[in-house]
Amino acid sequence: KDPQIYDKLTRSIAPSVWGYPEIKLSLALQMFGGIRKERSDGTKTRGDIHILMVGDPGVAKSVMLKYISGIAPRARYVSGKSASGAGLTATVVRDEFLRGWGLEAGAMVLANKGLVCIDELEKMDENDRSTMHEAMEQQTVTISKANVQATLRAQTAVLAAANPKYGRFDQMEMIAKQVNLAPSLINRFDIIFILRDLPNKTRDGLIADHVLQE
């Protein structure tokens, strides 16, 4: 009933970060999620929102990811440098105690009905990133290894951050050519934010004042 509810939610997301009202509103809506729909023919449409932030270093991408992972229920935070495909989805390991094969769930399965934050997405191996495709769109993780055949639920929203191909955006080249991610993965994100750290005396002054007031 509060007409200011959207504004209050936006201002409560990472208040230490100046600006980005559209991004913060999107993050708030992502935590609430949408409605999972099942059609008359049995096909299902996911209700979770996937968000990707690609931007220059120092624009507070990681700060927002850390903040969301701290307040969202059933959230997981992973870094692309140390994350593998098995760590994100699931893997089969040999159980020496039971003398058989066991199934171990990854971050996207453990965060089912929740949210997973993936920082430095571009630093993950391409083969590891490809394992996310099924989990992001079909919201399941299918394992077929050794004698284990299983399908795990992964109704998980994905919030990811990445840096441009050259570390920073080159103003003389098209932005699309500087995002070093496979088109098949990019297409699975519902919202993509491009963050550029362009010199601006007025804007930089406001950011400095905001930081000093903290």
Protein backbone atom coordinates (compact mmCIF):
# COMPACT_ATOMS: atom_id res chain seq x y z
CA LYS A 1 0.00 0.00 0.00
CA ASP A 2 3.01 2.30 0.36
CA PRO A 3 3.31 4.35 -2.87
CA GLN A 4 7.02 4.87 -2.12
CA ILE A 5 7.82 1.16 -1.72
CA TYR A 6 9.88 0.91 -4.92
CA ASP A 7 11.93 3.96 -3.99
CA LYS A 8 12.53 2.65 -0.48
CA LEU A 9 13.63 -0.73 -1.79
CA THR A 10 15.98 0.91 -4.29
CA ARG A 11 17.61 3.13 -1.65
CA SER A 12 18.06 0.18 0.71
CA ILE A 13 20.16 -1.83 -1.78
CA ALA A 14 23.87 -1.20 -1.12
CA PRO A 15 23.37 2.35 0.25
CA SER A 16 27.15 2.81 0.43
CA VAL A 17 27.25 2.78 -3.40
CA TRP A 18 26.27 6.08 -4.99
CA GLY A 19 23.75 6.15 -7.85
CA TYR A 20 22.65 3.27 -10.09
CA PRO A 21 18.91 3.54 -9.25
CA GLU A 22 17.86 1.39 -12.22
CA ILE A 23 20.33 -1.37 -11.33
CA LYS A 24 19.38 -1.35 -7.65
CA LEU A 25 15.67 -1.55 -8.49
CA SER A 26 16.40 -4.50 -10.79
CA LEU A 27 18.33 -6.25 -8.01
CA ALA A 28 15.44 -5.73 -5.59
CA LEU A 29 12.96 -7.16 -8.09
CA GLN A 30 15.30 -10.07 -8.80
CA MET A 31 15.26 -11.08 -5.14
CA PHE A 32 11.46 -11.21 -5.14
CA GLY A 33 11.43 -13.02 -8.49
CA GLY A 34 8.53 -13.63 -10.83
CA ILE A 35 5.92 -16.35 -11.30
CA ARG A 36 6.86 -19.73 -12.74
CA LYS A 37 4.26 -20.59 -15.36
CA GLU A 38 3.24 -23.95 -16.74
CA ARG A 39 1.51 -23.95 -20.12
CA SER A 40 -1.35 -26.19 -21.16
CA ASP A 41 1.03 -28.32 -23.24
CA GLY A 42 3.25 -29.02 -20.23
CA THR A 43 6.06 -26.57 -21.07
CA LYS A 44 7.30 -24.39 -18.25
CA THR A 45 8.48 -20.78 -18.24
CA ARG A 46 10.89 -19.72 -15.51
CA GLY A 47 9.96 -16.88 -13.21
CA ASP A 48 13.48 -16.05 -12.07
CA ILE A 49 15.33 -13.02 -13.47
CA HIS A 50 18.95 -13.32 -14.61
CA ILE A 51 21.04 -10.12 -14.51
CA LEU A 52 24.52 -9.47 -15.94
CA MET A 53 26.66 -6.42 -15.17
CA VAL A 54 29.60 -5.76 -17.49
CA GLY A 55 31.73 -2.75 -16.66
CA ASP A 56 35.03 -1.06 -16.01
CA PRO A 57 36.92 -1.88 -12.81
CA GLY A 58 36.04 0.25 -9.79
CA VAL A 59 32.34 0.78 -10.55
CA ALA A 60 31.22 -1.22 -7.47
CA LYS A 61 30.03 -4.37 -9.27
CA SER A 62 31.56 -6.68 -6.67
CA VAL A 63 30.26 -4.55 -3.81
CA MET A 64 26.68 -4.93 -5.03
CA LEU A 65 27.12 -8.68 -5.56
CA LYS A 66 28.51 -9.13 -2.05
CA TYR A 67 25.67 -7.06 -0.59
CA ILE A 68 22.96 -9.04 -2.40
CA SER A 69 24.52 -12.37 -1.42
CA GLY A 70 24.45 -11.22 2.20
CA ILE A 71 20.77 -10.23 2.37
CA ALA A 72 19.08 -12.56 -0.13
CA PRO A 73 17.70 -15.80 1.35
CA ARG A 74 19.42 -18.98 0.13
CA ALA A 75 22.11 -17.04 -1.67
CA ARG A 76 25.56 -18.24 -2.75
CA TYR A 77 28.55 -16.11 -3.79
CA VAL A 78 31.21 -17.57 -6.08
CA SER A 79 34.16 -16.09 -7.92
CA GLY A 80 34.84 -16.97 -11.53
CA LYS A 81 38.56 -17.39 -10.81
CA SER A 82 37.98 -20.30 -8.45
CA ALA A 83 34.67 -21.67 -9.78
CA SER A 84 34.33 -24.70 -12.03
CA GLY A 85 31.38 -26.13 -13.90
CA ALA A 86 31.08 -28.91 -11.33
CA GLY A 87 31.20 -26.37 -8.49
CA LEU A 88 28.34 -24.40 -10.04
CA THR A 89 26.07 -27.27 -11.05
CA ALA A 90 26.81 -30.79 -9.73
CA THR A 91 29.38 -33.53 -9.96
CA VAL A 92 29.77 -37.25 -9.35
CA VAL A 93 32.52 -38.32 -6.94
CA ARG A 94 33.73 -41.69 -5.81
CA ASP A 95 32.64 -42.52 -2.27
CA GLU A 96 35.41 -44.64 -0.73
CA PHE A 97 33.36 -45.35 2.40
CA LEU A 98 30.34 -46.76 0.54
CA ARG A 99 32.53 -48.05 -2.29
CA GLY A 100 30.34 -46.49 -4.92
CA TRP A 101 29.56 -43.20 -6.63
CA GLY A 102 28.01 -40.21 -4.89
CA LEU A 103 26.35 -37.05 -6.14
CA GLU A 104 27.52 -33.65 -4.87
CA ALA A 105 25.47 -30.51 -5.56
CA GLY A 106 27.05 -27.24 -6.69
CA ALA A 107 26.14 -23.63 -5.93
CA MET A 108 23.21 -23.33 -8.38
CA VAL A 109 21.58 -26.47 -6.98
CA LEU A 110 22.24 -25.52 -3.35
CA ALA A 111 20.68 -22.10 -4.01
CA ASN A 112 17.47 -23.60 -5.43
CA LYS A 113 14.56 -21.15 -4.87
CA GLY A 114 17.23 -18.55 -4.15
CA LEU A 115 20.00 -16.60 -5.88
CA VAL A 116 23.60 -17.22 -6.92
CA CYS A 117 26.07 -14.35 -7.39
CA ILE A 118 28.93 -15.03 -9.82
CA ASP A 119 31.75 -12.48 -9.82
CA GLU A 120 34.39 -12.25 -12.57
CA LEU A 121 32.35 -14.42 -14.90
CA GLU A 122 34.73 -13.79 -17.81
CA LYS A 123 37.60 -15.49 -15.92
CA MET A 124 35.83 -18.84 -15.86
CA ASP A 125 36.86 -21.45 -18.41
CA GLU A 126 34.58 -21.53 -21.45
CA ASN A 127 33.79 -25.22 -20.90
CA ASP A 128 32.82 -24.52 -17.30
CA ARG A 129 30.56 -21.63 -18.34
CA SER A 130 28.75 -23.87 -20.81
CA THR A 131 27.46 -26.03 -17.93
CA MET A 132 25.33 -23.08 -16.79
CA HIS A 133 23.15 -23.10 -19.92
CA GLU A 134 20.72 -25.79 -18.83
CA ALA A 135 20.51 -24.50 -15.25
CA MET A 136 19.73 -20.95 -16.35
CA GLU A 137 17.02 -21.74 -18.90
CA GLN A 138 15.55 -25.16 -18.04
CA GLN A 139 16.28 -24.68 -14.31
CA THR A 140 17.49 -28.24 -13.95
CA VAL A 141 20.90 -29.91 -13.76
CA THR A 142 21.14 -33.28 -15.49
CA ILE A 143 23.95 -35.62 -14.47
CA SER A 144 24.90 -38.73 -16.43
CA LYS A 145 28.21 -40.08 -15.19
CA ALA A 146 29.38 -43.53 -14.12
CA ASN A 147 26.24 -45.30 -12.91
CA VAL A 148 24.55 -42.11 -11.70
CA GLN A 149 21.61 -40.77 -13.72
CA ALA A 150 19.91 -37.83 -12.02
CA THR A 151 18.09 -34.56 -12.65
CA LEU A 152 18.40 -31.91 -9.94
CA ARG A 153 16.26 -28.81 -9.53
CA ALA A 154 17.97 -25.46 -9.93
CA GLN A 155 15.25 -22.80 -9.82
CA THR A 156 17.93 -20.22 -9.15
CA ALA A 157 18.26 -16.60 -10.22
CA VAL A 158 21.73 -15.64 -11.48
CA LEU A 159 23.40 -12.29 -10.78
CA ALA A 160 26.74 -12.11 -12.57
CA ALA A 161 29.44 -9.49 -13.05
CA ALA A 162 32.18 -9.39 -15.67
CA ASN A 163 34.91 -7.10 -16.95
CA PRO A 164 35.39 -6.17 -20.62
CA LYS A 165 37.79 -8.11 -22.84
CA TYR A 166 40.59 -5.52 -22.48
CA GLY A 167 40.06 -4.84 -18.78
CA ARG A 168 38.34 -1.53 -19.55
CA PHE A 169 35.98 -0.44 -22.29
CA ASP A 170 37.68 1.07 -25.35
CA GLN A 171 35.69 4.12 -26.45
CA MET A 172 36.84 3.66 -30.05
CA GLU A 173 35.37 0.14 -30.44
CA MET A 174 31.85 -1.25 -30.33
CA ILE A 175 30.77 -2.38 -26.88
CA ALA A 176 29.36 -5.67 -28.21
CA LYS A 177 32.82 -6.71 -29.45
CA GLN A 178 34.36 -6.09 -26.02
CA VAL A 179 32.11 -8.46 -24.07
CA ASN A 180 34.11 -11.68 -24.13
CA LEU A 181 31.23 -14.08 -23.44
CA ALA A 182 29.55 -16.61 -25.71
CA PRO A 183 26.32 -15.36 -27.34
CA SER A 184 24.53 -18.50 -26.15
CA LEU A 185 25.29 -17.50 -22.54
CA ILE A 186 24.55 -13.79 -22.98
CA ASN A 187 21.13 -14.60 -24.45
CA ARG A 188 20.14 -16.34 -21.23
CA PHE A 189 20.41 -13.10 -19.25
CA ASP A 190 17.20 -11.07 -19.13
CA ILE A 191 18.90 -7.75 -18.29
CA ILE A 192 22.43 -6.67 -19.18
CA PHE A 193 23.85 -3.47 -17.68
CA ILE A 194 26.90 -1.79 -19.23
CA LEU A 195 28.83 0.28 -16.66
CA ARG A 196 31.42 2.74 -17.94
CA ASP A 197 33.70 4.82 -15.74
CA LEU A 198 33.87 7.99 -17.83
CA PRO A 199 35.58 11.07 -16.32
CA ASN A 200 32.95 13.61 -15.25
CA LYS A 201 33.80 16.38 -12.81
CA THR A 202 30.27 16.81 -11.43
CA ARG A 203 29.53 13.09 -11.11
CA ASP A 204 32.94 12.26 -9.62
CA GLY A 205 32.47 15.07 -7.09
CA LEU A 206 29.12 13.66 -5.99
CA ILE A 207 30.64 10.20 -5.59
CA ALA A 208 33.53 11.61 -3.54
CA ASP A 209 31.12 13.51 -1.27
CA HIS A 210 29.05 10.35 -0.80
CA VAL A 211 32.12 8.29 0.14
CA LEU A 212 33.36 10.94 2.60
CA GLN A 213 29.98 11.12 4.33
CA GLU A 214 29.99 7.40 5.13
